[in-house]
Each structure stands twice: as structure tokens, then as C-alpha cells.
Amino acid sequence: MRFPALTAGMLAAAVLAWHAAPSFAEPARRVPAAAVDLAAPPTLKYDTAVFAGGCFWGVQGVFQRVKGVNNAVSGYAGGDAKTARYEDVGSGRTGHAEAVRITYDPRQISYGKLLQIYFSVAHDPTQFNRQGPDVGPQYRSTVFAENPEQARVAKAYIAQLNQAKTFNRQLATTIEMSKPFYAAEAYHQDFLTRHPSHEYIVFNDLPKIDDLKKLFPESYRPTPVLVNAAKGG
């Protein structure tokens, strides 16, 4: 679900309604670092990670502003190639989740550190099959592990956070193995940067950027790395 285009009056009413509505989201917090992590390989220049946590606009926007990330692409994971289209995924019946594929330099940032940011500010990992106003399995919290080692680290981290009762509830995050990733349509890429005044972005995603800057100043980069860098947003 996305907010449609609104007139000024409608937007003001929506803002009031939004803030008046009860919120079940966990507040952003810097969760403890992963006790189990992947060692940086001496010869590997780039590695990839795929995370799902609600609308991919905000998740992409967060990781585009993380030092050590070379690229972050919005897309779909969990289903078949033939249904990897926005209109189909929105039905909630394709098996896909809106996801982001992150290409990163493991010598600058570890997989565990990416997970720490994912659990801290990119989304609320306690929400099951939803994220904020968006409801359905396509908005689930899922780590799409690229290999058994990533799955091992993610599983250990989820157990660590649950055991420490870091959140008020158990994490809803699941781990799915060996699911292909399909890039989303061009109009979804760099959406946060290109449309910073879009109602959905203002309400749901710009606060994540503020949280990243505040909670992870050592990892924050003010200039995002864009998919369509030549267009400059």
C-alpha cells in the first residue's frame, strides 16, 4: 500500500490521522553488534547480501547511505521470474518479498554490520508479514541468505537478539536460502532520493535516514550511491 497523490488539505488531514493512529512499530535503536560474523576474505573485492523489510524504497535508501556499500538495488526475491513484477508481487500471492540486493566491500563493512543496521534502522523486525502501513507477505522481514555461511550468521544473530530480549517481542525475521533476486522496475530505483517529498517517503522512510545518521555515524555517508548515478536523482 502506498499513499496516493494528495492535495494540500488532504495531506494535512492524512498527517493528523497518521499521528493519531496507534503505532505498533518498535522505535529505532542501535542493537548490539553480531557476536558471530563473517571474516573478510583476503581476495574478495565485493560480496552481496539480500534483505527484505517492508517497502524497498526505504530499505534501499538506508543502505545506499552506508559506507562500504557499492550498490543497493530494489527488487523481488522468494518467487519465480515470471511473477517478479510490481503488479503481481502486490497481490501477496507470488512468494516474493520486496527486497534489496546490497553489493558491499567486506574489507570495509562486514555482513554482520549490515545485519546490525538492518535490524536497527532499516525496518522493524518484530512485525510479521507487514511493515508500518504495508500489509502482506510481500512485506515480510526476511534475510535471503546467499550461502550457508550467511544463513549461519543471520540465524545466530536472530537468536542473540531474542535471547537478550533486545526488542519487546520476538523477531519475526525469517531466513530463506538460495532464492534468486530480480531487480525491480526502473521507476522504483533510487526512489527515496528522487522523490524526497513523496508522502510515503516523508512519513515512513526519511526518519530511517535520520536514525542511520544518528545511531551509526561511523557508517553514515551523506551522499548516497545510486543505481542511476548518471541521472543524479
C-alpha atoms as a PDB file:
ATOM      1  CA  MET A   1       0.000   0.000   0.000  1.00  0.00           C
ATOM      2  CA  ARG A   2       1.243   3.470  -0.853  1.00  0.00           C
ATOM      3  CA  PHE A   3      -0.233   6.893  -0.195  1.00  0.00           C
ATOM      4  CA  PRO A   4      -1.795   8.309  -3.377  1.00  0.00           C
ATOM      5  CA  ALA A   5      -1.151  11.838  -4.548  1.00  0.00           C
ATOM      6  CA  LEU A   6      -2.882  14.223  -2.153  1.00  0.00           C
ATOM      7  CA  THR A   7      -3.984  17.822  -2.230  1.00  0.00           C
ATOM      8  CA  ALA A   8      -2.629  20.128   0.480  1.00  0.00           C
ATOM      9  CA  GLY A   9      -5.808  19.776   2.520  1.00  0.00           C
ATOM     10  CA  MET A  10      -5.909  16.025   2.130  1.00  0.00           C
ATOM     11  CA  LEU A  11      -2.227  15.789   3.064  1.00  0.00           C
ATOM     12  CA  ALA A  12      -2.775  17.810   6.252  1.00  0.00           C
ATOM     13  CA  ALA A  13      -5.678  15.553   7.212  1.00  0.00           C
ATOM     14  CA  ALA A  14      -3.603  12.465   6.439  1.00  0.00           C
ATOM     15  CA  VAL A  15      -0.770  13.727   8.630  1.00  0.00           C
ATOM     16  CA  LEU A  16      -3.162  14.258  11.550  1.00  0.00           C
ATOM     17  CA  ALA A  17      -4.722  10.836  11.064  1.00  0.00           C
ATOM     18  CA  TRP A  18      -1.307   9.211  10.743  1.00  0.00           C
ATOM     19  CA  HIS A  19      -0.030  10.659  14.004  1.00  0.00           C
ATOM     20  CA  ALA A  20      -3.325   9.995  15.790  1.00  0.00           C
ATOM     21  CA  ALA A  21      -3.301   6.327  14.836  1.00  0.00           C
ATOM     22  CA  PRO A  22      -1.712   3.888  17.292  1.00  0.00           C
ATOM     23  CA  SER A  23       1.752   2.721  16.332  1.00  0.00           C
ATOM     24  CA  PHE A  24       2.949  -0.827  16.875  1.00  0.00           C
ATOM     25  CA  ALA A  25       6.410  -0.224  15.436  1.00  0.00           C
ATOM     26  CA  GLU A  26       9.455  -0.641  17.604  1.00  0.00           C
ATOM     27  CA  PRO A  27      11.447   2.585  17.956  1.00  0.00           C
ATOM     28  CA  ALA A  28      14.759   2.656  16.129  1.00  0.00           C
ATOM     29  CA  ARG A  29      17.671   1.614  18.303  1.00  0.00           C
ATOM     30  CA  ARG A  30      21.265   0.574  17.846  1.00  0.00           C
ATOM     31  CA  VAL A  31      21.084  -3.109  18.644  1.00  0.00           C
ATOM     32  CA  PRO A  32      24.198  -4.922  19.903  1.00  0.00           C
ATOM     33  CA  ALA A  33      26.696  -5.999  17.263  1.00  0.00           C
ATOM     34  CA  ALA A  34      26.548  -9.554  15.997  1.00  0.00           C
ATOM     35  CA  ALA A  35      28.558 -11.920  18.178  1.00  0.00           C
ATOM     36  CA  VAL A  36      29.049 -14.187  15.155  1.00  0.00           C
ATOM     37  CA  ASP A  37      30.239 -12.628  11.896  1.00  0.00           C
ATOM     38  CA  LEU A  38      31.937 -13.466   8.621  1.00  0.00           C
ATOM     39  CA  ALA A  39      35.646 -12.838   8.312  1.00  0.00           C
ATOM     40  CA  ALA A  40      36.722 -10.556   5.475  1.00  0.00           C
ATOM     41  CA  PRO A  41      38.208 -12.743   2.725  1.00  0.00           C
ATOM     42  CA  PRO A  42      41.651 -11.515   1.639  1.00  0.00           C
ATOM     43  CA  THR A  43      40.945 -11.703  -2.102  1.00  0.00           C
ATOM     44  CA  LEU A  44      37.215 -10.994  -2.461  1.00  0.00           C
ATOM     45  CA  LYS A  45      36.598  -7.393  -3.517  1.00  0.00           C
ATOM     46  CA  TYR A  46      32.800  -7.408  -3.336  1.00  0.00           C
ATOM     47  CA  ASP A  47      30.130  -9.604  -1.800  1.00  0.00           C
ATOM     48  CA  THR A  48      26.329  -9.424  -1.867  1.00  0.00           C
ATOM     49  CA  ALA A  49      23.561  -9.547   0.722  1.00  0.00           C
ATOM     50  CA  VAL A  50      19.801  -9.557   0.155  1.00  0.00           C
ATOM     51  CA  PHE A  51      17.414  -8.247   2.814  1.00  0.00           C
ATOM     52  CA  ALA A  52      13.648  -7.740   2.839  1.00  0.00           C
ATOM     53  CA  GLY A  53      11.955  -5.472   5.345  1.00  0.00           C
ATOM     54  CA  GLY A  54       8.818  -3.816   4.023  1.00  0.00           C
ATOM     55  CA  CYS A  55       8.708  -1.360   1.148  1.00  0.00           C
ATOM     56  CA  PHE A  56      12.013  -1.498  -0.691  1.00  0.00           C
ATOM     57  CA  TRP A  57      12.138   2.292  -1.159  1.00  0.00           C
ATOM     58  CA  GLY A  58      13.254   2.874   2.421  1.00  0.00           C
ATOM     59  CA  VAL A  59      15.476  -0.181   2.759  1.00  0.00           C
ATOM     60  CA  GLN A  60      17.321   0.776  -0.414  1.00  0.00           C
ATOM     61  CA  GLY A  61      17.600   4.386   0.752  1.00  0.00           C
ATOM     62  CA  VAL A  62      19.190   3.320   4.027  1.00  0.00           C
ATOM     63  CA  PHE A  63      21.838   1.041   2.546  1.00  0.00           C
ATOM     64  CA  GLN A  64      22.688   3.493  -0.224  1.00  0.00           C
ATOM     65  CA  ARG A  65      23.932   5.711   2.581  1.00  0.00           C
ATOM     66  CA  VAL A  66      26.141   3.135   4.302  1.00  0.00           C
ATOM     67  CA  LYS A  67      29.915   3.306   3.913  1.00  0.00           C
ATOM     68  CA  GLY A  68      31.344   0.244   2.222  1.00  0.00           C
ATOM     69  CA  VAL A  69      28.213  -0.354   0.139  1.00  0.00           C
ATOM     70  CA  ASN A  70      28.928  -0.166  -3.570  1.00  0.00           C
ATOM     71  CA  ASN A  71      25.378  -0.642  -4.811  1.00  0.00           C
ATOM     72  CA  ALA A  72      21.875  -1.291  -3.481  1.00  0.00           C
ATOM     73  CA  VAL A  73      19.159  -2.384  -5.890  1.00  0.00           C
ATOM     74  CA  SER A  74      15.439  -2.683  -5.173  1.00  0.00           C
ATOM     75  CA  GLY A  75      13.818  -5.876  -6.376  1.00  0.00           C
ATOM     76  CA  TYR A  76      11.963  -9.064  -5.590  1.00  0.00           C
ATOM     77  CA  ALA A  77      13.056 -12.361  -4.014  1.00  0.00           C
ATOM     78  CA  GLY A  78      11.295 -15.526  -2.938  1.00  0.00           C
ATOM     79  CA  GLY A  79       9.237 -16.305  -6.032  1.00  0.00           C
ATOM     80  CA  ASP A  80       9.547 -17.121  -9.718  1.00  0.00           C
ATOM     81  CA  ALA A  81      10.922 -14.949 -12.507  1.00  0.00           C
ATOM     82  CA  LYS A  82       7.566 -14.799 -14.279  1.00  0.00           C
ATOM     83  CA  THR A  83       5.907 -13.065 -11.305  1.00  0.00           C
ATOM     84  CA  ALA A  84       8.769 -10.689 -10.456  1.00  0.00           C
ATOM     85  CA  ARG A  85       6.691  -7.666 -11.407  1.00  0.00           C
ATOM     86  CA  TYR A  86       5.352  -4.972  -9.107  1.00  0.00           C
ATOM     87  CA  GLU A  87       1.721  -5.519 -10.071  1.00  0.00           C
ATOM     88  CA  ASP A  88       1.980  -9.254  -9.402  1.00  0.00           C
ATOM     89  CA  VAL A  89       4.032  -9.024  -6.216  1.00  0.00           C
ATOM     90  CA  GLY A  90       1.492  -6.595  -4.753  1.00  0.00           C
ATOM     91  CA  SER A  91      -1.113  -9.359  -4.726  1.00  0.00           C
ATOM     92  CA  GLY A  92       0.783 -11.118  -1.947  1.00  0.00           C
ATOM     93  CA  ARG A  93       0.376 -14.460  -3.713  1.00  0.00           C
ATOM     94  CA  THR A  94       3.669 -14.767  -5.617  1.00  0.00           C
ATOM     95  CA  GLY A  95       6.001 -15.823  -2.801  1.00  0.00           C
ATOM     96  CA  HIS A  96       8.086 -12.732  -3.489  1.00  0.00           C
ATOM     97  CA  ALA A  97       9.059 -10.114  -0.945  1.00  0.00           C
ATOM     98  CA  GLU A  98      10.126  -6.603  -1.810  1.00  0.00           C
ATOM     99  CA  ALA A  99      13.862  -6.897  -1.212  1.00  0.00           C
ATOM    100  CA  VAL A 100      17.152  -5.078  -1.701  1.00  0.00           C
ATOM    101  CA  ARG A 101      20.349  -6.616  -3.032  1.00  0.00           C
ATOM    102  CA  ILE A 102      23.389  -4.956  -1.463  1.00  0.00           C
ATOM    103  CA  THR A 103      26.814  -5.147  -3.057  1.00  0.00           C
ATOM    104  CA  TYR A 104      29.471  -4.298  -0.483  1.00  0.00           C
ATOM    105  CA  ASP A 105      33.190  -4.399   0.189  1.00  0.00           C
ATOM    106  CA  PRO A 106      33.718  -6.910   3.034  1.00  0.00           C
ATOM    107  CA  ARG A 107      37.028  -5.242   3.850  1.00  0.00           C
ATOM    108  CA  GLN A 108      35.168  -2.030   4.729  1.00  0.00           C
ATOM    109  CA  ILE A 109      31.966  -3.386   6.247  1.00  0.00           C
ATOM    110  CA  SER A 110      31.090  -6.876   7.397  1.00  0.00           C
ATOM    111  CA  TYR A 111      27.966  -8.913   6.783  1.00  0.00           C
ATOM    112  CA  GLY A 112      27.240  -8.745  10.499  1.00  0.00           C
ATOM    113  CA  LYS A 113      27.447  -4.956  10.457  1.00  0.00           C
ATOM    114  CA  LEU A 114      24.960  -4.834   7.573  1.00  0.00           C
ATOM    115  CA  LEU A 115      22.649  -7.026   9.626  1.00  0.00           C
ATOM    116  CA  GLN A 116      23.070  -4.724  12.616  1.00  0.00           C
ATOM    117  CA  ILE A 117      21.921  -1.749  10.534  1.00  0.00           C
ATOM    118  CA  TYR A 118      19.107  -3.838   9.042  1.00  0.00           C
ATOM    119  CA  PHE A 119      17.763  -4.766  12.471  1.00  0.00           C
ATOM    120  CA  SER A 120      18.369  -1.312  13.970  1.00  0.00           C
ATOM    121  CA  VAL A 121      17.047   1.239  11.473  1.00  0.00           C
ATOM    122  CA  ALA A 122      16.100  -0.298   8.102  1.00  0.00           C
ATOM    123  CA  HIS A 123      12.863  -1.840   9.372  1.00  0.00           C
ATOM    124  CA  ASP A 124      11.039  -3.187  12.413  1.00  0.00           C
ATOM    125  CA  PRO A 125      11.975  -6.883  12.620  1.00  0.00           C
ATOM    126  CA  THR A 126       9.184  -7.692  15.084  1.00  0.00           C
ATOM    127  CA  GLN A 127       6.368  -7.109  12.582  1.00  0.00           C
ATOM    128  CA  PHE A 128       5.044 -10.254  10.915  1.00  0.00           C
ATOM    129  CA  ASN A 129       4.057 -10.015   7.243  1.00  0.00           C
ATOM    130  CA  ARG A 130       3.789  -6.267   7.401  1.00  0.00           C
ATOM    131  CA  GLN A 131       5.794  -3.092   7.865  1.00  0.00           C
ATOM    132  CA  GLY A 132       4.051   0.034   9.047  1.00  0.00           C
ATOM    133  CA  PRO A 133       1.076   0.716   6.753  1.00  0.00           C
ATOM    134  CA  ASP A 134       2.020  -2.070   4.324  1.00  0.00           C
ATOM    135  CA  VAL A 135       0.415  -5.451   4.967  1.00  0.00           C
ATOM    136  CA  GLY A 136       1.053  -8.806   3.324  1.00  0.00           C
ATOM    137  CA  PRO A 137       3.759 -11.464   2.931  1.00  0.00           C
ATOM    138  CA  GLN A 138       5.423  -9.334   0.257  1.00  0.00           C
ATOM    139  CA  TYR A 139       6.437  -7.004   3.119  1.00  0.00           C
ATOM    140  CA  ARG A 140       7.851  -9.723   5.373  1.00  0.00           C
ATOM    141  CA  SER A 141      11.110  -9.448   7.276  1.00  0.00           C
ATOM    142  CA  THR A 142      13.457 -11.925   5.606  1.00  0.00           C
ATOM    143  CA  VAL A 143      17.169 -12.443   5.172  1.00  0.00           C
ATOM    144  CA  PHE A 144      17.707 -14.079   1.787  1.00  0.00           C
ATOM    145  CA  ALA A 145      20.965 -15.859   2.536  1.00  0.00           C
ATOM    146  CA  GLU A 146      23.314 -16.220  -0.416  1.00  0.00           C
ATOM    147  CA  ASN A 147      25.126 -19.200   1.109  1.00  0.00           C
ATOM    148  CA  PRO A 148      25.183 -21.368   4.258  1.00  0.00           C
ATOM    149  CA  GLU A 149      27.666 -19.058   5.978  1.00  0.00           C
ATOM    150  CA  GLN A 150      25.349 -16.063   5.673  1.00  0.00           C
ATOM    151  CA  ALA A 151      22.474 -18.205   6.939  1.00  0.00           C
ATOM    152  CA  ARG A 152      24.582 -19.291   9.916  1.00  0.00           C
ATOM    153  CA  VAL A 153      25.449 -15.710  10.876  1.00  0.00           C
ATOM    154  CA  ALA A 154      21.867 -14.479  10.436  1.00  0.00           C
ATOM    155  CA  LYS A 155      20.427 -17.362  12.464  1.00  0.00           C
ATOM    156  CA  ALA A 156      22.927 -16.798  15.276  1.00  0.00           C
ATOM    157  CA  TYR A 157      22.203 -13.064  15.315  1.00  0.00           C
ATOM    158  CA  ILE A 158      18.442 -13.533  15.496  1.00  0.00           C
ATOM    159  CA  ALA A 159      18.919 -15.958  18.388  1.00  0.00           C
ATOM    160  CA  GLN A 160      21.291 -13.497  20.091  1.00  0.00           C
ATOM    161  CA  LEU A 161      18.794 -10.620  19.901  1.00  0.00           C
ATOM    162  CA  ASN A 162      15.890 -12.792  21.027  1.00  0.00           C
ATOM    163  CA  GLN A 163      17.818 -14.233  23.952  1.00  0.00           C
ATOM    164  CA  ALA A 164      18.858 -10.761  25.084  1.00  0.00           C
ATOM    165  CA  LYS A 165      15.245  -9.541  24.748  1.00  0.00           C
ATOM    166  CA  THR A 166      16.558  -6.608  22.718  1.00  0.00           C
ATOM    167  CA  PHE A 167      13.042  -5.928  21.444  1.00  0.00           C
ATOM    168  CA  ASN A 168       9.732  -6.054  23.260  1.00  0.00           C
ATOM    169  CA  ARG A 169       8.753  -9.061  21.137  1.00  0.00           C
ATOM    170  CA  GLN A 170      10.441 -11.950  19.395  1.00  0.00           C
ATOM    171  CA  LEU A 171      11.836 -11.170  15.964  1.00  0.00           C
ATOM    172  CA  ALA A 172       9.604 -12.140  13.045  1.00  0.00           C
ATOM    173  CA  THR A 173      12.583 -12.282  10.682  1.00  0.00           C
ATOM    174  CA  THR A 174      12.927 -15.476   8.671  1.00  0.00           C
ATOM    175  CA  ILE A 175      15.849 -16.851   6.675  1.00  0.00           C
ATOM    176  CA  GLU A 176      15.344 -18.117   3.131  1.00  0.00           C
ATOM    177  CA  MET A 177      18.125 -19.851   1.244  1.00  0.00           C
ATOM    178  CA  SER A 178      19.128 -19.759  -2.413  1.00  0.00           C
ATOM    179  CA  LYS A 179      16.226 -17.655  -3.685  1.00  0.00           C
ATOM    180  CA  PRO A 180      17.015 -15.715  -6.882  1.00  0.00           C
ATOM    181  CA  PHE A 181      16.825 -11.936  -6.803  1.00  0.00           C
ATOM    182  CA  TYR A 182      15.141  -9.985  -9.599  1.00  0.00           C
ATOM    183  CA  ALA A 183      15.708  -6.247  -9.997  1.00  0.00           C
ATOM    184  CA  ALA A 184      12.582  -4.115  -9.795  1.00  0.00           C
ATOM    185  CA  GLU A 185      11.348  -1.746 -12.442  1.00  0.00           C
ATOM    186  CA  ALA A 186      13.467   1.328 -13.168  1.00  0.00           C
ATOM    187  CA  TYR A 187      10.950   3.725 -11.642  1.00  0.00           C
ATOM    188  CA  HIS A 188      11.433   2.094  -8.224  1.00  0.00           C
ATOM    189  CA  GLN A 189      15.223   2.559  -8.190  1.00  0.00           C
ATOM    190  CA  ASP A 190      16.604   5.460  -6.108  1.00  0.00           C
ATOM    191  CA  PHE A 191      13.012   6.362  -5.244  1.00  0.00           C
ATOM    192  CA  LEU A 192      13.796   7.948  -1.884  1.00  0.00           C
ATOM    193  CA  THR A 193      16.472  10.204  -3.376  1.00  0.00           C
ATOM    194  CA  ARG A 194      14.417  11.152  -6.416  1.00  0.00           C
ATOM    195  CA  HIS A 195      11.170  11.774  -4.519  1.00  0.00           C
ATOM    196  CA  PRO A 196      12.070  13.075  -1.037  1.00  0.00           C
ATOM    197  CA  SER A 197       8.765  14.971  -0.733  1.00  0.00           C
ATOM    198  CA  HIS A 198       6.583  11.977  -1.643  1.00  0.00           C
ATOM    199  CA  GLU A 199       4.087  11.473   1.184  1.00  0.00           C
ATOM    200  CA  TYR A 200       5.067   7.870   1.796  1.00  0.00           C
ATOM    201  CA  ILE A 201       8.763   8.736   1.889  1.00  0.00           C
ATOM    202  CA  VAL A 202       8.216  11.648   4.288  1.00  0.00           C
ATOM    203  CA  PHE A 203       6.132   9.577   6.705  1.00  0.00           C
ATOM    204  CA  ASN A 204       7.926   6.254   6.600  1.00  0.00           C
ATOM    205  CA  ASP A 205      11.412   6.466   5.158  1.00  0.00           C
ATOM    206  CA  LEU A 206      13.136   9.790   5.801  1.00  0.00           C
ATOM    207  CA  PRO A 207      13.065   9.052   9.554  1.00  0.00           C
ATOM    208  CA  LYS A 208      15.140   5.933   8.797  1.00  0.00           C
ATOM    209  CA  ILE A 209      17.829   8.076   7.202  1.00  0.00           C
ATOM    210  CA  ASP A 210      17.862  10.329  10.257  1.00  0.00           C
ATOM    211  CA  ASP A 211      18.134   7.269  12.506  1.00  0.00           C
ATOM    212  CA  LEU A 212      21.027   5.897  10.457  1.00  0.00           C
ATOM    213  CA  LYS A 213      22.904   9.180  10.753  1.00  0.00           C
ATOM    214  CA  LYS A 214      22.225   9.429  14.479  1.00  0.00           C
ATOM    215  CA  LEU A 215      22.764   5.809  15.526  1.00  0.00           C
ATOM    216  CA  PHE A 216      25.554   4.837  13.110  1.00  0.00           C
ATOM    217  CA  PRO A 217      27.592   7.996  12.484  1.00  0.00           C
ATOM    218  CA  GLU A 218      30.682   5.895  11.737  1.00  0.00           C
ATOM    219  CA  SER A 219      28.860   4.163   8.886  1.00  0.00           C
ATOM    220  CA  TYR A 220      26.809   7.035   7.503  1.00  0.00           C
ATOM    221  CA  ARG A 221      27.640   8.534   4.120  1.00  0.00           C
ATOM    222  CA  PRO A 222      25.831  11.797   3.266  1.00  0.00           C
ATOM    223  CA  THR A 223      25.951  11.202  -0.486  1.00  0.00           C
ATOM    224  CA  PRO A 224      24.079   8.032  -1.483  1.00  0.00           C
ATOM    225  CA  VAL A 225      25.448   5.578  -4.012  1.00  0.00           C
ATOM    226  CA  LEU A 226      22.717   5.483  -6.652  1.00  0.00           C
ATOM    227  CA  VAL A 227      21.662   2.853  -9.158  1.00  0.00           C
ATOM    228  CA  ASN A 228      21.180   5.570 -11.748  1.00  0.00           C
ATOM    229  CA  ALA A 229      24.130   7.684 -10.678  1.00  0.00           C
ATOM    230  CA  ALA A 230      24.412   9.396 -14.063  1.00  0.00           C
ATOM    231  CA  LYS A 231      20.977  10.923 -13.546  1.00  0.00           C
ATOM    232  CA  GLY A 232      21.957  12.170 -10.097  1.00  0.00           C
ATOM    233  CA  GLY A 233      18.485  11.599  -8.663  1.00  0.00           C
END
